[in-house]
């Protein structure tokens, strides 16, 4: 049991370090309009922390925009942020988006990670 403990601690550290924490400045520094469409963006690495710990239901639209910057697209009642290209092996197969849905009063209703595929 004693020899397994360091292995468990190392594994836990590796998992904790694998997903970078969300950083608003880093997220906002990159946008489709300013940088084009990369195959891998820093947004992809921060997405899990953003969705799990930073976004909350009822969050005002202005607060969301202060956190994430202006959306890449804004269809009615939604904000779409391009996260990066989704790939299948060496080929780009589509795009990853963060989709935020707002209620009629501008409160954050829900969010999802949308992966599109082009054939």
C-alpha atoms as a PDB file:
ATOM      1  CA  UNK A   1       0.000   0.000   0.000  1.00  0.00           C
ATOM      2  CA  UNK A   2       2.821   2.378   0.823  1.00  0.00           C
ATOM      3  CA  UNK A   3       4.344   2.095  -2.693  1.00  0.00           C
ATOM      4  CA  UNK A   4       0.984   2.806  -4.323  1.00  0.00           C
ATOM      5  CA  UNK A   5       0.457   6.104  -2.522  1.00  0.00           C
ATOM      6  CA  UNK A   6       3.106   8.115  -4.474  1.00  0.00           C
ATOM      7  CA  UNK A   7       1.692   6.766  -7.739  1.00  0.00           C
ATOM      8  CA  UNK A   8      -1.820   7.874  -6.776  1.00  0.00           C
ATOM      9  CA  UNK A   9      -0.553  11.337  -5.835  1.00  0.00           C
ATOM     10  CA  UNK A  10       1.342  11.685  -9.127  1.00  0.00           C
ATOM     11  CA  UNK A  11      -1.705  10.572 -11.102  1.00  0.00           C
ATOM     12  CA  UNK A  12      -3.916  13.086  -9.281  1.00  0.00           C
ATOM     13  CA  UNK A  13      -1.444  15.882 -10.008  1.00  0.00           C
ATOM     14  CA  UNK A  14      -1.243  14.937 -13.678  1.00  0.00           C
ATOM     15  CA  UNK A  15      -5.025  15.029 -14.031  1.00  0.00           C
ATOM     16  CA  UNK A  16      -5.277  18.350 -12.176  1.00  0.00           C
ATOM     17  CA  UNK A  17      -2.638  19.925 -14.424  1.00  0.00           C
ATOM     18  CA  UNK A  18      -4.048  18.607 -17.699  1.00  0.00           C
ATOM     19  CA  UNK A  19      -6.799  21.234 -18.049  1.00  0.00           C
ATOM     20  CA  UNK A  20      -5.658  24.824 -17.664  1.00  0.00           C
ATOM     21  CA  UNK A  21      -7.775  27.103 -15.531  1.00  0.00           C
ATOM     22  CA  UNK A  22      -9.911  29.636 -17.322  1.00  0.00           C
ATOM     23  CA  UNK A  23      -8.254  33.013 -17.823  1.00  0.00           C
ATOM     24  CA  UNK A  24     -10.451  35.822 -19.133  1.00  0.00           C
ATOM     25  CA  UNK A  25      -7.572  37.811 -20.643  1.00  0.00           C
ATOM     26  CA  UNK A  26      -6.208  34.798 -22.542  1.00  0.00           C
ATOM     27  CA  UNK A  27      -9.714  33.887 -23.776  1.00  0.00           C
ATOM     28  CA  UNK A  28     -10.355  37.416 -25.054  1.00  0.00           C
ATOM     29  CA  UNK A  29      -6.931  37.786 -26.719  1.00  0.00           C
ATOM     30  CA  UNK A  30      -7.956  35.324 -29.381  1.00  0.00           C
ATOM     31  CA  UNK A  31     -10.962  35.731 -31.626  1.00  0.00           C
ATOM     32  CA  UNK A  32     -11.930  34.554 -35.092  1.00  0.00           C
ATOM     33  CA  UNK A  33     -11.974  38.143 -36.339  1.00  0.00           C
ATOM     34  CA  UNK A  34      -8.448  38.905 -35.166  1.00  0.00           C
ATOM     35  CA  UNK A  35      -6.607  35.594 -35.534  1.00  0.00           C
ATOM     36  CA  UNK A  36      -8.312  33.473 -38.169  1.00  0.00           C
ATOM     37  CA  UNK A  37      -9.264  29.881 -37.459  1.00  0.00           C
ATOM     38  CA  UNK A  38      -6.513  27.779 -35.853  1.00  0.00           C
ATOM     39  CA  UNK A  39      -6.576  24.015 -35.566  1.00  0.00           C
ATOM     40  CA  UNK A  40      -5.996  24.218 -31.810  1.00  0.00           C
ATOM     41  CA  UNK A  41      -6.682  27.240 -29.648  1.00  0.00           C
ATOM     42  CA  UNK A  42      -5.959  28.018 -26.025  1.00  0.00           C
ATOM     43  CA  UNK A  43      -9.722  28.308 -25.558  1.00  0.00           C
ATOM     44  CA  UNK A  44     -10.103  24.535 -25.959  1.00  0.00           C
ATOM     45  CA  UNK A  45      -7.912  23.872 -22.950  1.00  0.00           C
ATOM     46  CA  UNK A  46      -9.809  26.308 -20.723  1.00  0.00           C
ATOM     47  CA  UNK A  47     -13.306  25.254 -21.767  1.00  0.00           C
ATOM     48  CA  UNK A  48     -13.871  22.636 -19.067  1.00  0.00           C
ATOM     49  CA  UNK A  49     -12.973  25.006 -16.217  1.00  0.00           C
ATOM     50  CA  UNK A  50     -15.052  27.791 -17.745  1.00  0.00           C
ATOM     51  CA  UNK A  51     -18.143  25.611 -18.094  1.00  0.00           C
ATOM     52  CA  UNK A  52     -17.769  23.918 -14.701  1.00  0.00           C
ATOM     53  CA  UNK A  53     -16.674  26.787 -12.477  1.00  0.00           C
ATOM     54  CA  UNK A  54     -17.098  30.223 -14.065  1.00  0.00           C
ATOM     55  CA  UNK A  55     -20.480  30.280 -15.788  1.00  0.00           C
ATOM     56  CA  UNK A  56     -23.632  30.265 -13.669  1.00  0.00           C
ATOM     57  CA  UNK A  57     -27.329  30.292 -14.453  1.00  0.00           C
ATOM     58  CA  UNK A  58     -28.872  33.756 -14.217  1.00  0.00           C
ATOM     59  CA  UNK A  59     -25.528  35.478 -14.914  1.00  0.00           C
ATOM     60  CA  UNK A  60     -26.358  38.777 -16.710  1.00  0.00           C
ATOM     61  CA  UNK A  61     -25.448  38.998 -20.401  1.00  0.00           C
ATOM     62  CA  UNK A  62     -23.220  42.025 -19.712  1.00  0.00           C
ATOM     63  CA  UNK A  63     -21.283  40.063 -17.082  1.00  0.00           C
ATOM     64  CA  UNK A  64     -20.815  37.180 -19.517  1.00  0.00           C
ATOM     65  CA  UNK A  65     -19.544  39.572 -22.170  1.00  0.00           C
ATOM     66  CA  UNK A  66     -17.165  41.184 -19.653  1.00  0.00           C
ATOM     67  CA  UNK A  67     -15.806  37.704 -18.854  1.00  0.00           C
ATOM     68  CA  UNK A  68     -15.567  36.362 -22.432  1.00  0.00           C
ATOM     69  CA  UNK A  69     -15.506  39.438 -24.657  1.00  0.00           C
ATOM     70  CA  UNK A  70     -17.892  39.969 -27.550  1.00  0.00           C
ATOM     71  CA  UNK A  71     -19.257  36.764 -29.112  1.00  0.00           C
ATOM     72  CA  UNK A  72     -18.046  35.558 -32.496  1.00  0.00           C
ATOM     73  CA  UNK A  73     -21.692  35.177 -33.502  1.00  0.00           C
ATOM     74  CA  UNK A  74     -24.876  36.334 -31.792  1.00  0.00           C
ATOM     75  CA  UNK A  75     -28.027  34.769 -33.220  1.00  0.00           C
ATOM     76  CA  UNK A  76     -31.254  35.643 -31.397  1.00  0.00           C
ATOM     77  CA  UNK A  77     -30.959  34.936 -27.668  1.00  0.00           C
ATOM     78  CA  UNK A  78     -27.554  33.209 -27.985  1.00  0.00           C
ATOM     79  CA  UNK A  79     -23.839  33.916 -27.912  1.00  0.00           C
ATOM     80  CA  UNK A  80     -21.508  31.652 -29.902  1.00  0.00           C
ATOM     81  CA  UNK A  81     -17.775  31.596 -29.225  1.00  0.00           C
ATOM     82  CA  UNK A  82     -15.474  29.725 -31.559  1.00  0.00           C
ATOM     83  CA  UNK A  83     -13.324  27.429 -29.431  1.00  0.00           C
ATOM     84  CA  UNK A  84     -11.203  25.664 -32.050  1.00  0.00           C
ATOM     85  CA  UNK A  85     -11.173  23.143 -34.854  1.00  0.00           C
ATOM     86  CA  UNK A  86     -12.263  19.594 -34.181  1.00  0.00           C
ATOM     87  CA  UNK A  87     -10.121  17.040 -35.904  1.00  0.00           C
ATOM     88  CA  UNK A  88     -10.217  13.428 -36.899  1.00  0.00           C
ATOM     89  CA  UNK A  89      -6.626  12.291 -37.078  1.00  0.00           C
ATOM     90  CA  UNK A  90      -4.731  14.700 -39.302  1.00  0.00           C
ATOM     91  CA  UNK A  91      -7.822  16.201 -40.932  1.00  0.00           C
ATOM     92  CA  UNK A  92      -9.967  19.046 -39.633  1.00  0.00           C
ATOM     93  CA  UNK A  93     -13.495  17.677 -39.409  1.00  0.00           C
ATOM     94  CA  UNK A  94     -15.407  20.660 -38.081  1.00  0.00           C
ATOM     95  CA  UNK A  95     -15.429  23.267 -35.373  1.00  0.00           C
ATOM     96  CA  UNK A  96     -15.973  23.483 -31.615  1.00  0.00           C
ATOM     97  CA  UNK A  97     -18.194  26.240 -30.235  1.00  0.00           C
ATOM     98  CA  UNK A  98     -19.294  27.377 -26.814  1.00  0.00           C
ATOM     99  CA  UNK A  99     -23.004  28.161 -27.098  1.00  0.00           C
ATOM    100  CA  UNK A 100     -24.630  30.333 -24.439  1.00  0.00           C
ATOM    101  CA  UNK A 101     -28.421  30.709 -24.290  1.00  0.00           C
ATOM    102  CA  UNK A 102     -30.047  33.694 -22.570  1.00  0.00           C
ATOM    103  CA  UNK A 103     -33.599  34.180 -21.324  1.00  0.00           C
ATOM    104  CA  UNK A 104     -35.797  37.137 -22.320  1.00  0.00           C
ATOM    105  CA  UNK A 105     -34.385  39.220 -19.441  1.00  0.00           C
ATOM    106  CA  UNK A 106     -30.772  38.631 -20.515  1.00  0.00           C
ATOM    107  CA  UNK A 107     -29.915  36.090 -17.830  1.00  0.00           C
ATOM    108  CA  UNK A 108     -27.790  33.084 -18.754  1.00  0.00           C
ATOM    109  CA  UNK A 109     -30.155  30.150 -19.112  1.00  0.00           C
ATOM    110  CA  UNK A 110     -27.832  27.373 -20.303  1.00  0.00           C
ATOM    111  CA  UNK A 111     -24.567  26.616 -22.089  1.00  0.00           C
ATOM    112  CA  UNK A 112     -23.102  23.761 -24.074  1.00  0.00           C
ATOM    113  CA  UNK A 113     -20.015  22.696 -25.992  1.00  0.00           C
ATOM    114  CA  UNK A 114     -21.125  22.169 -29.589  1.00  0.00           C
ATOM    115  CA  UNK A 115     -18.946  20.125 -31.949  1.00  0.00           C
ATOM    116  CA  UNK A 116     -19.856  20.454 -35.618  1.00  0.00           C
ATOM    117  CA  UNK A 117     -18.746  18.031 -38.321  1.00  0.00           C
ATOM    118  CA  UNK A 118     -18.329  18.687 -41.995  1.00  0.00           C
ATOM    119  CA  UNK A 119     -18.454  15.776 -44.418  1.00  0.00           C
END
